[in-house]
C-alpha atoms as a PDB file:
ATOM      1  CA  UNK A   1     -66.931   3.577   7.615  1.00  0.00           C
ATOM      2  CA  UNK A   2     -66.322   0.108   6.854  1.00  0.00           C
ATOM      3  CA  UNK A   3     -66.407  -2.454   3.965  1.00  0.00           C
ATOM      4  CA  UNK A   4     -69.883  -4.411   3.598  1.00  0.00           C
ATOM      5  CA  UNK A   5     -70.531  -7.184   2.690  1.00  0.00           C
ATOM      6  CA  UNK A   6     -73.900  -8.569   1.494  1.00  0.00           C
ATOM      7  CA  UNK A   7     -74.980 -11.911  -0.038  1.00  0.00           C
ATOM      8  CA  UNK A   8     -72.692 -11.795  -3.164  1.00  0.00           C
ATOM      9  CA  UNK A   9     -71.234  -8.698  -3.653  1.00  0.00           C
ATOM     10  CA  UNK A  10     -69.385  -6.131  -1.580  1.00  0.00           C
ATOM     11  CA  UNK A  11     -70.367  -2.591  -0.963  1.00  0.00           C
ATOM     12  CA  UNK A  12     -67.868   0.328  -0.730  1.00  0.00           C
ATOM     13  CA  UNK A  13     -69.227   3.554   0.751  1.00  0.00           C
ATOM     14  CA  UNK A  14     -67.470   6.876  -0.525  1.00  0.00           C
ATOM     15  CA  UNK A  15     -64.958   7.414   1.715  1.00  0.00           C
ATOM     16  CA  UNK A  16     -63.375   3.749   1.035  1.00  0.00           C
ATOM     17  CA  UNK A  17     -63.515   3.254  -2.539  1.00  0.00           C
ATOM     18  CA  UNK A  18     -62.313   7.436  -2.641  1.00  0.00           C
ATOM     19  CA  UNK A  19     -59.482   6.669  -0.882  1.00  0.00           C
ATOM     20  CA  UNK A  20     -58.810   3.043  -2.902  1.00  0.00           C
ATOM     21  CA  UNK A  21     -58.984   5.116  -6.028  1.00  0.00           C
ATOM     22  CA  UNK A  22     -56.536   7.902  -5.049  1.00  0.00           C
ATOM     23  CA  UNK A  23     -54.282   5.648  -4.073  1.00  0.00           C
ATOM     24  CA  UNK A  24     -54.108   3.841  -7.573  1.00  0.00           C
ATOM     25  CA  UNK A  25     -53.521   7.346  -9.545  1.00  0.00           C
ATOM     26  CA  UNK A  26     -51.008   7.331  -7.254  1.00  0.00           C
ATOM     27  CA  UNK A  27     -49.196   4.573  -7.702  1.00  0.00           C
ATOM     28  CA  UNK A  28     -49.288   4.780 -11.738  1.00  0.00           C
ATOM     29  CA  UNK A  29     -48.600   8.100 -11.589  1.00  0.00           C
ATOM     30  CA  UNK A  30     -44.796   6.747 -10.198  1.00  0.00           C
ATOM     31  CA  UNK A  31     -43.975   5.616 -13.307  1.00  0.00           C
ATOM     32  CA  UNK A  32     -46.516   7.647 -15.711  1.00  0.00           C
ATOM     33  CA  UNK A  33     -45.945  10.802 -15.331  1.00  0.00           C
ATOM     34  CA  UNK A  34     -41.935  10.522 -16.208  1.00  0.00           C
ATOM     35  CA  UNK A  35     -43.410   9.025 -19.460  1.00  0.00           C
ATOM     36  CA  UNK A  36     -45.257  11.844 -20.520  1.00  0.00           C
ATOM     37  CA  UNK A  37     -43.147  14.055 -19.488  1.00  0.00           C
ATOM     38  CA  UNK A  38     -40.831  12.707 -22.145  1.00  0.00           C
ATOM     39  CA  UNK A  39     -43.175  12.314 -24.307  1.00  0.00           C
ATOM     40  CA  UNK A  40     -44.091  16.115 -24.213  1.00  0.00           C
ATOM     41  CA  UNK A  41     -40.351  16.790 -24.841  1.00  0.00           C
ATOM     42  CA  UNK A  42     -40.002  14.853 -27.805  1.00  0.00           C
ATOM     43  CA  UNK A  43     -37.294  12.098 -25.719  1.00  0.00           C
ATOM     44  CA  UNK A  44     -37.010   8.699 -25.329  1.00  0.00           C
ATOM     45  CA  UNK A  45     -36.507   6.181 -22.956  1.00  0.00           C
ATOM     46  CA  UNK A  46     -35.593   2.351 -23.892  1.00  0.00           C
ATOM     47  CA  UNK A  47     -36.182   0.573 -20.497  1.00  0.00           C
ATOM     48  CA  UNK A  48     -39.034   3.079 -19.174  1.00  0.00           C
ATOM     49  CA  UNK A  49     -41.499   4.034 -21.751  1.00  0.00           C
ATOM     50  CA  UNK A  50     -41.996   0.278 -22.696  1.00  0.00           C
ATOM     51  CA  UNK A  51     -44.474  -0.156 -20.968  1.00  0.00           C
ATOM     52  CA  UNK A  52     -46.415   2.685 -22.414  1.00  0.00           C
ATOM     53  CA  UNK A  53     -45.250   2.364 -26.090  1.00  0.00           C
ATOM     54  CA  UNK A  54     -45.673  -1.516 -26.421  1.00  0.00           C
ATOM     55  CA  UNK A  55     -48.656  -2.364 -25.029  1.00  0.00           C
ATOM     56  CA  UNK A  56     -51.934  -0.881 -26.032  1.00  0.00           C
ATOM     57  CA  UNK A  57     -52.544   0.421 -22.218  1.00  0.00           C
ATOM     58  CA  UNK A  58     -52.166   4.065 -22.165  1.00  0.00           C
ATOM     59  CA  UNK A  59     -51.355   5.969 -18.817  1.00  0.00           C
ATOM     60  CA  UNK A  60     -55.080   7.745 -18.809  1.00  0.00           C
ATOM     61  CA  UNK A  61     -56.648   4.223 -19.254  1.00  0.00           C
ATOM     62  CA  UNK A  62     -54.531   2.607 -16.406  1.00  0.00           C
ATOM     63  CA  UNK A  63     -55.388   5.432 -14.321  1.00  0.00           C
ATOM     64  CA  UNK A  64     -58.397   4.301 -13.956  1.00  0.00           C
ATOM     65  CA  UNK A  65     -59.163   2.727 -10.343  1.00  0.00           C
ATOM     66  CA  UNK A  66     -61.449  -0.316 -10.900  1.00  0.00           C
ATOM     67  CA  UNK A  67     -63.180  -2.433  -8.035  1.00  0.00           C
ATOM     68  CA  UNK A  68     -63.314  -5.824 -10.354  1.00  0.00           C
ATOM     69  CA  UNK A  69     -67.135  -7.531 -10.621  1.00  0.00           C
ATOM     70  CA  UNK A  70     -69.327  -7.790  -7.859  1.00  0.00           C
ATOM     71  CA  UNK A  71     -68.601  -4.433  -5.936  1.00  0.00           C
ATOM     72  CA  UNK A  72     -70.660  -1.511  -5.380  1.00  0.00           C
ATOM     73  CA  UNK A  73     -69.726   1.659  -4.568  1.00  0.00           C
ATOM     74  CA  UNK A  74     -71.854   4.103  -3.131  1.00  0.00           C
ATOM     75  CA  UNK A  75     -72.023   7.967  -3.405  1.00  0.00           C
ATOM     76  CA  UNK A  76     -72.685  10.591  -5.359  1.00  0.00           C
ATOM     77  CA  UNK A  77     -69.027  10.723  -7.106  1.00  0.00           C
ATOM     78  CA  UNK A  78     -70.255   7.084  -8.145  1.00  0.00           C
ATOM     79  CA  UNK A  79     -72.852   8.556 -10.810  1.00  0.00           C
ATOM     80  CA  UNK A  80     -69.844   9.168 -12.893  1.00  0.00           C
ATOM     81  CA  UNK A  81     -69.574   5.521 -14.030  1.00  0.00           C
ATOM     82  CA  UNK A  82     -72.439   5.553 -15.779  1.00  0.00           C
ATOM     83  CA  UNK A  83     -71.062   6.895 -19.076  1.00  0.00           C
ATOM     84  CA  UNK A  84     -67.811   4.446 -17.905  1.00  0.00           C
ATOM     85  CA  UNK A  85     -67.986   1.631 -20.396  1.00  0.00           C
ATOM     86  CA  UNK A  86     -68.796  -1.946 -18.613  1.00  0.00           C
ATOM     87  CA  UNK A  87     -70.943  -0.136 -15.823  1.00  0.00           C
ATOM     88  CA  UNK A  88     -74.497  -0.077 -14.691  1.00  0.00           C
ATOM     89  CA  UNK A  89     -75.978   1.936 -11.790  1.00  0.00           C
ATOM     90  CA  UNK A  90     -78.169   0.027  -9.854  1.00  0.00           C
ATOM     91  CA  UNK A  91     -81.890   0.369  -9.558  1.00  0.00           C
ATOM     92  CA  UNK A  92     -83.990  -0.302  -6.829  1.00  0.00           C
ATOM     93  CA  UNK A  93     -84.280  -3.852  -6.979  1.00  0.00           C
ATOM     94  CA  UNK A  94     -80.025  -4.182  -6.990  1.00  0.00           C
ATOM     95  CA  UNK A  95     -80.192  -1.705  -4.286  1.00  0.00           C
ATOM     96  CA  UNK A  96     -82.785  -3.990  -2.450  1.00  0.00           C
ATOM     97  CA  UNK A  97     -80.604  -6.896  -2.804  1.00  0.00           C
ATOM     98  CA  UNK A  98     -77.646  -5.592  -1.643  1.00  0.00           C
ATOM     99  CA  UNK A  99     -79.022  -4.274   1.178  1.00  0.00           C
ATOM    100  CA  UNK A 100     -79.255  -0.481   0.003  1.00  0.00           C
ATOM    101  CA  UNK A 101     -81.833   1.615   0.536  1.00  0.00           C
ATOM    102  CA  UNK A 102     -83.882   2.921  -2.273  1.00  0.00           C
ATOM    103  CA  UNK A 103     -82.587   6.289  -3.959  1.00  0.00           C
ATOM    104  CA  UNK A 104     -78.919   5.708  -3.241  1.00  0.00           C
ATOM    105  CA  UNK A 105     -76.511   6.319  -5.540  1.00  0.00           C
ATOM    106  CA  UNK A 106     -74.181   3.592  -6.449  1.00  0.00           C
ATOM    107  CA  UNK A 107     -72.694   1.631  -9.026  1.00  0.00           C
ATOM    108  CA  UNK A 108     -70.996  -1.510  -9.802  1.00  0.00           C
ATOM    109  CA  UNK A 109     -69.651  -3.108 -13.377  1.00  0.00           C
ATOM    110  CA  UNK A 110     -71.917  -4.573 -15.739  1.00  0.00           C
ATOM    111  CA  UNK A 111     -71.035  -8.106 -15.776  1.00  0.00           C
ATOM    112  CA  UNK A 112     -73.407  -9.133 -18.302  1.00  0.00           C
ATOM    113  CA  UNK A 113     -72.875  -6.330 -20.682  1.00  0.00           C
ATOM    114  CA  UNK A 114     -69.079  -7.420 -20.139  1.00  0.00           C
ATOM    115  CA  UNK A 115     -68.936 -10.779 -20.766  1.00  0.00           C
ATOM    116  CA  UNK A 116     -71.440 -10.151 -23.729  1.00  0.00           C
ATOM    117  CA  UNK A 117     -68.177  -8.050 -25.339  1.00  0.00           C
ATOM    118  CA  UNK A 118     -65.687  -9.985 -23.971  1.00  0.00           C
ATOM    119  CA  UNK A 119     -66.605 -13.844 -23.822  1.00  0.00           C
ATOM    120  CA  UNK A 120     -63.860 -14.634 -26.467  1.00  0.00           C
ATOM    121  CA  UNK A 121     -61.170 -12.647 -24.286  1.00  0.00           C
ATOM    122  CA  UNK A 122     -61.868 -14.049 -21.499  1.00  0.00           C
ATOM    123  CA  UNK A 123     -61.648 -17.067 -23.034  1.00  0.00           C
ATOM    124  CA  UNK A 124     -58.474 -17.395 -24.403  1.00  0.00           C
ATOM    125  CA  UNK A 125     -56.798 -15.613 -21.481  1.00  0.00           C
ATOM    126  CA  UNK A 126     -57.469 -17.992 -19.422  1.00  0.00           C
ATOM    127  CA  UNK A 127     -56.560 -20.845 -21.795  1.00  0.00           C
ATOM    128  CA  UNK A 128     -52.736 -18.952 -21.821  1.00  0.00           C
ATOM    129  CA  UNK A 129     -52.772 -18.679 -17.460  1.00  0.00           C
ATOM    130  CA  UNK A 130     -53.848 -22.408 -17.164  1.00  0.00           C
ATOM    131  CA  UNK A 131     -51.664 -23.805 -19.992  1.00  0.00           C
ATOM    132  CA  UNK A 132     -48.619 -21.947 -19.035  1.00  0.00           C
ATOM    133  CA  UNK A 133     -49.042 -22.059 -15.049  1.00  0.00           C
ATOM    134  CA  UNK A 134     -49.371 -26.252 -15.637  1.00  0.00           C
ATOM    135  CA  UNK A 135     -45.478 -26.155 -17.771  1.00  0.00           C
ATOM    136  CA  UNK A 136     -42.531 -26.947 -16.389  1.00  0.00           C
ATOM    137  CA  UNK A 137     -40.216 -23.512 -16.262  1.00  0.00           C
ATOM    138  CA  UNK A 138     -37.395 -23.556 -18.481  1.00  0.00           C
ATOM    139  CA  UNK A 139     -34.471 -21.215 -18.009  1.00  0.00           C
ATOM    140  CA  UNK A 140     -32.067 -21.541 -20.456  1.00  0.00           C
ATOM    141  CA  UNK A 141     -32.811 -19.049 -23.119  1.00  0.00           C
ATOM    142  CA  UNK A 142     -29.726 -16.502 -21.244  1.00  0.00           C
ATOM    143  CA  UNK A 143     -32.280 -14.007 -22.802  1.00  0.00           C
ATOM    144  CA  UNK A 144     -30.891 -13.977 -26.348  1.00  0.00           C
ATOM    145  CA  UNK A 145     -34.275 -12.855 -28.354  1.00  0.00           C
ATOM    146  CA  UNK A 146     -33.100  -9.402 -27.827  1.00  0.00           C
ATOM    147  CA  UNK A 147     -29.654  -9.637 -29.382  1.00  0.00           C
ATOM    148  CA  UNK A 148     -31.152 -12.230 -31.880  1.00  0.00           C
ATOM    149  CA  UNK A 149     -33.448  -8.752 -32.888  1.00  0.00           C
ATOM    150  CA  UNK A 150     -30.452  -7.408 -34.236  1.00  0.00           C
ATOM    151  CA  UNK A 151     -27.744 -10.094 -35.240  1.00  0.00           C
ATOM    152  CA  UNK A 152     -26.607  -9.054 -38.645  1.00  0.00           C
ATOM    153  CA  UNK A 153     -27.638  -5.371 -37.782  1.00  0.00           C
ATOM    154  CA  UNK A 154     -25.561  -3.899 -40.512  1.00  0.00           C
ATOM    155  CA  UNK A 155     -27.972  -5.765 -43.224  1.00  0.00           C
ATOM    156  CA  UNK A 156     -30.766  -4.737 -41.205  1.00  0.00           C
ATOM    157  CA  UNK A 157     -33.218  -1.701 -39.268  1.00  0.00           C
ATOM    158  CA  UNK A 158     -31.917  -1.844 -35.937  1.00  0.00           C
ATOM    159  CA  UNK A 159     -34.811  -1.785 -34.007  1.00  0.00           C
ATOM    160  CA  UNK A 160     -33.447   1.451 -31.126  1.00  0.00           C
ATOM    161  CA  UNK A 161     -31.807   3.059 -33.194  1.00  0.00           C
ATOM    162  CA  UNK A 162     -30.088   5.575 -31.218  1.00  0.00           C
ATOM    163  CA  UNK A 163     -28.833   2.681 -28.588  1.00  0.00           C
ATOM    164  CA  UNK A 164     -25.359   1.449 -29.356  1.00  0.00           C
ATOM    165  CA  UNK A 165     -24.271  -2.444 -29.062  1.00  0.00           C
ATOM    166  CA  UNK A 166     -22.615  -2.608 -26.196  1.00  0.00           C
ATOM    167  CA  UNK A 167     -19.941  -5.273 -28.385  1.00  0.00           C
ATOM    168  CA  UNK A 168     -20.529  -4.211 -31.491  1.00  0.00           C
ATOM    169  CA  UNK A 169     -22.335  -5.462 -34.298  1.00  0.00           C
ATOM    170  CA  UNK A 170     -19.079  -8.083 -35.140  1.00  0.00           C
ATOM    171  CA  UNK A 171     -18.900  -9.196 -30.722  1.00  0.00           C
ATOM    172  CA  UNK A 172     -22.589  -9.554 -31.049  1.00  0.00           C
ATOM    173  CA  UNK A 173     -23.742 -11.624 -34.436  1.00  0.00           C
ATOM    174  CA  UNK A 174     -20.404 -13.391 -32.773  1.00  0.00           C
ATOM    175  CA  UNK A 175     -22.765 -14.018 -29.679  1.00  0.00           C
ATOM    176  CA  UNK A 176     -25.426 -15.617 -31.239  1.00  0.00           C
ATOM    177  CA  UNK A 177     -23.452 -17.549 -33.532  1.00  0.00           C
ATOM    178  CA  UNK A 178     -22.059 -19.363 -30.635  1.00  0.00           C
ATOM    179  CA  UNK A 179     -25.286 -19.610 -28.469  1.00  0.00           C
ATOM    180  CA  UNK A 180     -28.408 -21.457 -28.416  1.00  0.00           C
ATOM    181  CA  UNK A 181     -30.976 -20.341 -29.165  1.00  0.00           C
ATOM    182  CA  UNK A 182     -34.422 -21.742 -28.295  1.00  0.00           C
ATOM    183  CA  UNK A 183     -36.975 -18.819 -27.660  1.00  0.00           C
ATOM    184  CA  UNK A 184     -40.381 -20.494 -26.967  1.00  0.00           C
ATOM    185  CA  UNK A 185     -42.532 -16.975 -27.269  1.00  0.00           C
ATOM    186  CA  UNK A 186     -44.250 -15.689 -29.989  1.00  0.00           C
ATOM    187  CA  UNK A 187     -44.229 -11.702 -29.492  1.00  0.00           C
ATOM    188  CA  UNK A 188     -40.506 -11.457 -28.938  1.00  0.00           C
ATOM    189  CA  UNK A 189     -39.380 -14.667 -31.824  1.00  0.00           C
ATOM    190  CA  UNK A 190     -41.512 -11.993 -34.304  1.00  0.00           C
ATOM    191  CA  UNK A 191     -39.203  -9.261 -33.974  1.00  0.00           C
ATOM    192  CA  UNK A 192     -35.903 -11.759 -34.922  1.00  0.00           C
ATOM    193  CA  UNK A 193     -34.064 -10.204 -38.267  1.00  0.00           C
ATOM    194  CA  UNK A 194     -34.651 -12.618 -40.989  1.00  0.00           C
ATOM    195  CA  UNK A 195     -30.818 -14.100 -40.722  1.00  0.00           C
ATOM    196  CA  UNK A 196     -31.717 -15.381 -37.203  1.00  0.00           C
ATOM    197  CA  UNK A 197     -35.017 -17.012 -37.628  1.00  0.00           C
ATOM    198  CA  UNK A 198     -33.632 -20.015 -38.384  1.00  0.00           C
ATOM    199  CA  UNK A 199     -31.094 -20.245 -35.499  1.00  0.00           C
ATOM    200  CA  UNK A 200     -34.110 -20.399 -33.053  1.00  0.00           C
ATOM    201  CA  UNK A 201     -34.320 -23.935 -32.532  1.00  0.00           C
ATOM    202  CA  UNK A 202     -38.526 -23.520 -31.566  1.00  0.00           C
ATOM    203  CA  UNK A 203     -40.772 -22.467 -33.947  1.00  0.00           C
ATOM    204  CA  UNK A 204     -43.430 -20.081 -32.401  1.00  0.00           C
ATOM    205  CA  UNK A 205     -46.463 -18.562 -33.851  1.00  0.00           C
ATOM    206  CA  UNK A 206     -49.645 -17.053 -32.958  1.00  0.00           C
ATOM    207  CA  UNK A 207     -51.161 -20.238 -33.764  1.00  0.00           C
ATOM    208  CA  UNK A 208     -49.030 -22.199 -30.993  1.00  0.00           C
ATOM    209  CA  UNK A 209     -49.441 -19.883 -28.350  1.00  0.00           C
ATOM    210  CA  UNK A 210     -51.098 -21.102 -26.377  1.00  0.00           C
ATOM    211  CA  UNK A 211     -48.965 -24.339 -26.436  1.00  0.00           C
ATOM    212  CA  UNK A 212     -45.666 -23.134 -26.588  1.00  0.00           C
ATOM    213  CA  UNK A 213     -45.630 -20.812 -23.221  1.00  0.00           C
ATOM    214  CA  UNK A 214     -44.234 -21.353 -20.206  1.00  0.00           C
ATOM    215  CA  UNK A 215     -43.331 -19.920 -17.139  1.00  0.00           C
ATOM    216  CA  UNK A 216     -39.843 -19.040 -17.120  1.00  0.00           C
ATOM    217  CA  UNK A 217     -39.969 -16.932 -19.791  1.00  0.00           C
ATOM    218  CA  UNK A 218     -39.521 -13.478 -19.583  1.00  0.00           C
ATOM    219  CA  UNK A 219     -41.960 -12.027 -22.410  1.00  0.00           C
ATOM    220  CA  UNK A 220     -44.507 -14.786 -21.174  1.00  0.00           C
ATOM    221  CA  UNK A 221     -43.934 -13.243 -17.698  1.00  0.00           C
ATOM    222  CA  UNK A 222     -44.030  -9.562 -18.486  1.00  0.00           C
ATOM    223  CA  UNK A 223     -47.302 -10.501 -20.302  1.00  0.00           C
ATOM    224  CA  UNK A 224     -49.325 -10.885 -17.267  1.00  0.00           C
ATOM    225  CA  UNK A 225     -49.966  -7.349 -17.576  1.00  0.00           C
ATOM    226  CA  UNK A 226     -51.383  -7.181 -20.594  1.00  0.00           C
ATOM    227  CA  UNK A 227     -53.968 -10.006 -19.872  1.00  0.00           C
ATOM    228  CA  UNK A 228     -54.898  -8.108 -16.671  1.00  0.00           C
ATOM    229  CA  UNK A 229     -55.216  -5.065 -18.326  1.00  0.00           C
ATOM    230  CA  UNK A 230     -57.231  -6.351 -21.301  1.00  0.00           C
ATOM    231  CA  UNK A 231     -60.054  -7.635 -18.433  1.00  0.00           C
ATOM    232  CA  UNK A 232     -60.733  -4.339 -17.088  1.00  0.00           C
ATOM    233  CA  UNK A 233     -63.027  -3.417 -15.660  1.00  0.00           C
ATOM    234  CA  UNK A 234     -63.324  -6.691 -14.828  1.00  0.00           C
ATOM    235  CA  UNK A 235     -60.584  -7.595 -12.431  1.00  0.00           C
ATOM    236  CA  UNK A 236     -60.022  -4.614 -10.148  1.00  0.00           C
ATOM    237  CA  UNK A 237     -56.939  -2.186 -10.701  1.00  0.00           C
ATOM    238  CA  UNK A 238     -54.498  -3.717  -7.745  1.00  0.00           C
ATOM    239  CA  UNK A 239     -53.987  -6.485  -9.213  1.00  0.00           C
ATOM    240  CA  UNK A 240     -53.909  -5.018 -12.693  1.00  0.00           C
ATOM    241  CA  UNK A 241     -50.944  -2.821 -11.408  1.00  0.00           C
ATOM    242  CA  UNK A 242     -48.720  -5.711  -9.593  1.00  0.00           C
ATOM    243  CA  UNK A 243     -48.696  -6.988 -13.042  1.00  0.00           C
ATOM    244  CA  UNK A 244     -47.302  -4.085 -14.322  1.00  0.00           C
ATOM    245  CA  UNK A 245     -44.969  -3.385 -11.849  1.00  0.00           C
ATOM    246  CA  UNK A 246     -43.539  -7.094 -12.112  1.00  0.00           C
ATOM    247  CA  UNK A 247     -44.118  -6.052 -15.816  1.00  0.00           C
ATOM    248  CA  UNK A 248     -41.791  -3.064 -15.434  1.00  0.00           C
ATOM    249  CA  UNK A 249     -38.983  -4.933 -13.227  1.00  0.00           C
ATOM    250  CA  UNK A 250     -38.977  -7.788 -15.671  1.00  0.00           C
ATOM    251  CA  UNK A 251     -38.334  -4.863 -18.846  1.00  0.00           C
ATOM    252  CA  UNK A 252     -35.031  -3.481 -17.099  1.00  0.00           C
ATOM    253  CA  UNK A 253     -33.088  -6.846 -16.253  1.00  0.00           C
ATOM    254  CA  UNK A 254     -34.470  -7.997 -20.215  1.00  0.00           C
ATOM    255  CA  UNK A 255     -32.615  -5.064 -21.448  1.00  0.00           C
ATOM    256  CA  UNK A 256     -29.555  -5.255 -18.765  1.00  0.00           C
ATOM    257  CA  UNK A 257     -28.984  -8.628 -20.937  1.00  0.00           C
ATOM    258  CA  UNK A 258     -29.827  -7.151 -23.747  1.00  0.00           C
ATOM    259  CA  UNK A 259     -26.778  -5.720 -26.512  1.00  0.00           C
ATOM    260  CA  UNK A 260     -27.405  -2.642 -26.135  1.00  0.00           C
ATOM    261  CA  UNK A 261     -25.600   0.058 -23.560  1.00  0.00           C
ATOM    262  CA  UNK A 262     -27.460   1.047 -21.082  1.00  0.00           C
ATOM    263  CA  UNK A 263     -25.151   2.294 -18.368  1.00  0.00           C
ATOM    264  CA  UNK A 264     -25.764   5.833 -19.036  1.00  0.00           C
ATOM    265  CA  UNK A 265     -29.301   5.208 -18.097  1.00  0.00           C
ATOM    266  CA  UNK A 266     -28.364   3.656 -15.220  1.00  0.00           C
ATOM    267  CA  UNK A 267     -28.603   0.006 -15.888  1.00  0.00           C
ATOM    268  CA  UNK A 268     -25.414  -1.678 -15.556  1.00  0.00           C
ATOM    269  CA  UNK A 269     -25.131  -4.794 -18.061  1.00  0.00           C
ATOM    270  CA  UNK A 270     -26.079  -8.613 -17.010  1.00  0.00           C
ATOM    271  CA  UNK A 271     -23.190  -9.507 -19.748  1.00  0.00           C
ATOM    272  CA  UNK A 272     -24.986 -13.097 -20.934  1.00  0.00           C
ATOM    273  CA  UNK A 273     -21.786 -13.939 -23.197  1.00  0.00           C
ATOM    274  CA  UNK A 274     -20.022 -15.117 -19.777  1.00  0.00           C
ATOM    275  CA  UNK A 275     -20.812 -18.078 -17.605  1.00  0.00           C
ATOM    276  CA  UNK A 276     -20.984 -15.117 -14.744  1.00  0.00           C
ATOM    277  CA  UNK A 277     -23.678 -13.269 -16.767  1.00  0.00           C
ATOM    278  CA  UNK A 278     -25.758 -15.944 -17.311  1.00  0.00           C
ATOM    279  CA  UNK A 279     -25.672 -17.076 -14.200  1.00  0.00           C
ATOM    280  CA  UNK A 280     -26.657 -13.708 -13.248  1.00  0.00           C
ATOM    281  CA  UNK A 281     -29.467 -13.913 -15.592  1.00  0.00           C
ATOM    282  CA  UNK A 282     -30.963 -17.345 -14.180  1.00  0.00           C
ATOM    283  CA  UNK A 283     -30.938 -15.968 -10.782  1.00  0.00           C
ATOM    284  CA  UNK A 284     -33.113 -13.086 -11.697  1.00  0.00           C
ATOM    285  CA  UNK A 285     -35.518 -15.438 -14.333  1.00  0.00           C
ATOM    286  CA  UNK A 286     -36.279 -17.767 -11.422  1.00  0.00           C
ATOM    287  CA  UNK A 287     -36.695 -15.202  -9.260  1.00  0.00           C
ATOM    288  CA  UNK A 288     -39.236 -13.140 -11.914  1.00  0.00           C
ATOM    289  CA  UNK A 289     -40.521 -17.267 -12.235  1.00  0.00           C
ATOM    290  CA  UNK A 290     -41.968 -17.355  -8.717  1.00  0.00           C
ATOM    291  CA  UNK A 291     -43.241 -13.927  -8.499  1.00  0.00           C
ATOM    292  CA  UNK A 292     -45.203 -14.272 -12.236  1.00  0.00           C
ATOM    293  CA  UNK A 293     -47.120 -18.556 -11.019  1.00  0.00           C
ATOM    294  CA  UNK A 294     -48.038 -16.665  -7.822  1.00  0.00           C
ATOM    295  CA  UNK A 295     -49.696 -13.785 -10.025  1.00  0.00           C
ATOM    296  CA  UNK A 296     -50.747 -16.064 -12.524  1.00  0.00           C
ATOM    297  CA  UNK A 297     -52.429 -17.878  -9.983  1.00  0.00           C
ATOM    298  CA  UNK A 298     -54.505 -14.811  -8.427  1.00  0.00           C
ATOM    299  CA  UNK A 299     -55.204 -13.917 -12.417  1.00  0.00           C
ATOM    300  CA  UNK A 300     -57.384 -17.043 -12.736  1.00  0.00           C
ATOM    301  CA  UNK A 301     -58.891 -16.762  -9.526  1.00  0.00           C
ATOM    302  CA  UNK A 302     -60.189 -13.775 -10.649  1.00  0.00           C
ATOM    303  CA  UNK A 303     -61.226 -14.749 -14.069  1.00  0.00           C
ATOM    304  CA  UNK A 304     -62.694 -18.072 -12.544  1.00  0.00           C
ATOM    305  CA  UNK A 305     -66.708 -16.667 -11.732  1.00  0.00           C
ATOM    306  CA  UNK A 306     -66.482 -14.877 -15.527  1.00  0.00           C
ATOM    307  CA  UNK A 307     -64.824 -18.340 -16.956  1.00  0.00           C
ATOM    308  CA  UNK A 308     -67.744 -20.098 -15.216  1.00  0.00           C
ATOM    309  CA  UNK A 309     -69.775 -17.890 -16.497  1.00  0.00           C
ATOM    310  CA  UNK A 310     -69.013 -18.293 -19.813  1.00  0.00           C
ATOM    311  CA  UNK A 311     -69.017 -22.028 -20.062  1.00  0.00           C
ATOM    312  CA  UNK A 312     -72.795 -22.199 -18.231  1.00  0.00           C
ATOM    313  CA  UNK A 313     -73.890 -19.774 -21.111  1.00  0.00           C
ATOM    314  CA  UNK A 314     -72.881 -22.548 -23.940  1.00  0.00           C
END
């Protein structure tokens, strides 16, 4: 059965949307199941746990498939969504407007309820995404934020206490001291050791975040996943997962360029302390930046109707 367009809404019959839901859940399980198995066994992974431990979205939440606003799900199975936050069942007037017969079981994202509670989140995400998209990308950081997080680590608690430093403590400190540290992302900068903070040429903060984030930054590009899931269920899950998978790959490269020895985990180093390593890092960084800009545009397109509604509401 084909998807039906009814005015401003898209109507999805049960067989169509359940197929999309199952495909999404399988996509999530590829990443979530190994994490859940490790967690049950009391094990950690320095790369592949990150998106489930640093960000607030949990595997069960990510498993839930959402079509986004303006989509009507039909069929008996849609009734389960009556208990989901920011969903509502269609009444007879809604059904008529969607071209559906009276008595049809149908659910949709409750756009009004979502905006009533999440208006500020929509506005803030829009500001961050739009501002970042317009700034020129910077490619001179070389991933040194991770090194600054363990600078003079003998004086401070090591963040990843079960990992070894590839160059040792003294060698790691030397790399920090021999390079310019120019991190623009507050959520990386805030994990610097106290001795590394004054070495950063910029002073990112929560207050200046909206004016400082730029599209070459790995962390800004990983955070596309954060902005996407924070606006669920108004945004479609395929877009959320596209952002998740980019963030997953960025995290892997970020840790390869870190001071940690991850060879036994299957992640060979990108030795940013060398000219060749710096060049390799920038090559990845540029590719991720281009991919992230495309996703940033898709997020802004998806947010545009919500942002318009927020502006028009006064």
